[in-house]
Amino acid sequence: MQENEQARTEKRLPSDSRRQNARTPLAAPSELGQEFDLGYANKALVLLSVMAALIFYVDTMLTPALPKIVAEYGISIDHASLIISLYTVFGVAVIPILGKLGDIYGKKRVILYILVIYLVAATATSLAPNFDLILVSRFIQGVGLGVFALAFSLAREQFPRNLVPRAQGVISAVQVAGGALGLVGGAVITNDFGWQGNYWIAIPVMAVLTALIFLVVRESTERKPGVKLDYVGAAWLAASLTAIVLALSEGPTWGWTSPPILGLTMIGPVLLVSLPFYERRVAEPVLNLKLLSQRNMIASDLLVVCYGLSLGITFQAVVYALELPPPSGFGIGITEVGVYLLPLAFVILPVALAVGRAIPKYGVKPFLYLGSAVAAAAFFLLSTYTSSVQIEAYLIVYAFGSGMLTVSIQSLLVLSIAKSEMALGTSLNTAFRYVGQTLGAPVAGAILSTYVTGVTMLPTRAAFEYCFCVPVAAFILVLLISTSAREVIGGHSSAETR
């Protein structure tokens, strides 16, 4: 049946295209809406989406296992938190570099290299005989975060412009669902098989997906042969992002006024601000100022920082509100907490898919406006909760807004950037999201540790109220930023972005 469909497709193509297809696989569609291989594009989309979801699953599955790891290795809770923070630190540091490599050498090739390294590191983590080796292998696992941006970029090339939002919706929805399932699955599997069981189940699935991507997915048509990576700029950018994210993630543990955190807080921004002065002299810079200065690139980066901040605060404050004993919280176990968060996945998934289909008709900006308004309303409601059931209900409202935002922000980005810079642009955007998400946790932690009761030293009800007010302000800012973006698709898109 597929062969018949392919034959019909080739008959509709001009004769020179048929001759080209005899030599090479059917290329990705052009922006002019020419015929393209929809069957292949959907297969590639499914593989890239499931892989992104699986990595996000592995990213979150160890969070509920931290108490078990503390008990098994006799370490402190603060020490165990390095499992999460080091993973994020290395991932954020290398994401832009991996994106640039994808633009130069091909996105599929870089994805496969990442997955091989990730599989080796994940296997080492599951077999590590001591905690120090776990930290080393988890640190290397952070390379997996680079898959997200490359998957978004490669999917962008497979579909014509009017179908791009649908593809972005699928990847975004499945990715978020994987993260939410990781919290639940990680807790259940840890209880039954130990924390290593999470890896023993995920690794074979990831190996099969890697093989399928190698066999099925075609290489990017947008590459830059002969261009070399700016190694100095790449190391410079990695060092600045490492310092910033490490300071944000470890500030609550090491102390915000401790010499290491103060040093990182100063060094990171200084390195980042000074890098453009060097990059101006480089022909193919890692930190492309021309790309970053585009109106929609600025808007999407600011939007994704605010969105990441809401995610960081959500997971931190909501988990504490559910887990802490009364009167601060509701004394719910970690497995049950995962169940409370599970509706996030099941709501975001259909909402993101629906928004991806609606964007070509109505445009991106209406969903930016509506998503930010719904998300702001959700956090306002969360600031008024009186029961755990209300928390779950208001999280569902947040999921509606989040599903709209994650697809519309990503669509705004990928439909505004030239294909030759796609991987770098999406990688920088992903790095900004993780910076915002990393910022959310210490913001929530600082508020919860400031407003405590005098006897138990547990957070007061007001502490959670203030925590949830921060995302309200963030999403109002998202609403304001969205007005500055140019529409990229639909009836009101400007000629410049068509």
Foldseek 3Di string as FASTA:
>chain_A
DLVVVVVVLLVVDDPVQNVVCVPPPFFADDQVPRDASPVLLVVLLVLLLLLLLLLLLVLQLCVLVLVVVCVVAVHDSLVSCLLNLLLLLLLLLCLLVLLLCCLAPWLLVSLLVLLVQLLVLLVQLLVPPHDVSVSVSSNSNSVNLNSLLSSLLLSLRRHHLLLSLLSLLSSLLSNVLSNLVSLQVSNVCCVPPNNSSSSVVSSVVSVVSSVCSVVRPDTHPRHHPPDDAPVVLSVLSSLLSSLLSCLLQCCVPCPCPDVSSVVSVVVNVVSVVCSVVVQVPPPRHSPDPVLCPDLLLVLLLLLLLLVLLVLLLCVQLLVCQDCPPPPSHPNDDSNVSSVLSNLLSVLLNVLSNVLSNCCQAVFLLVLLQVLLVQLLVLLLQVLVDDDSVSVSVSSSSNSNSSSSVSSSSSSSQQLQDDSSSSSSSSSNSSSSNSSSNSNNNVVLVVLQQVAADPPPSGGDSVSSSVSSNVSSVSSVVSNVSSVSGATQHHDRGDPVRD
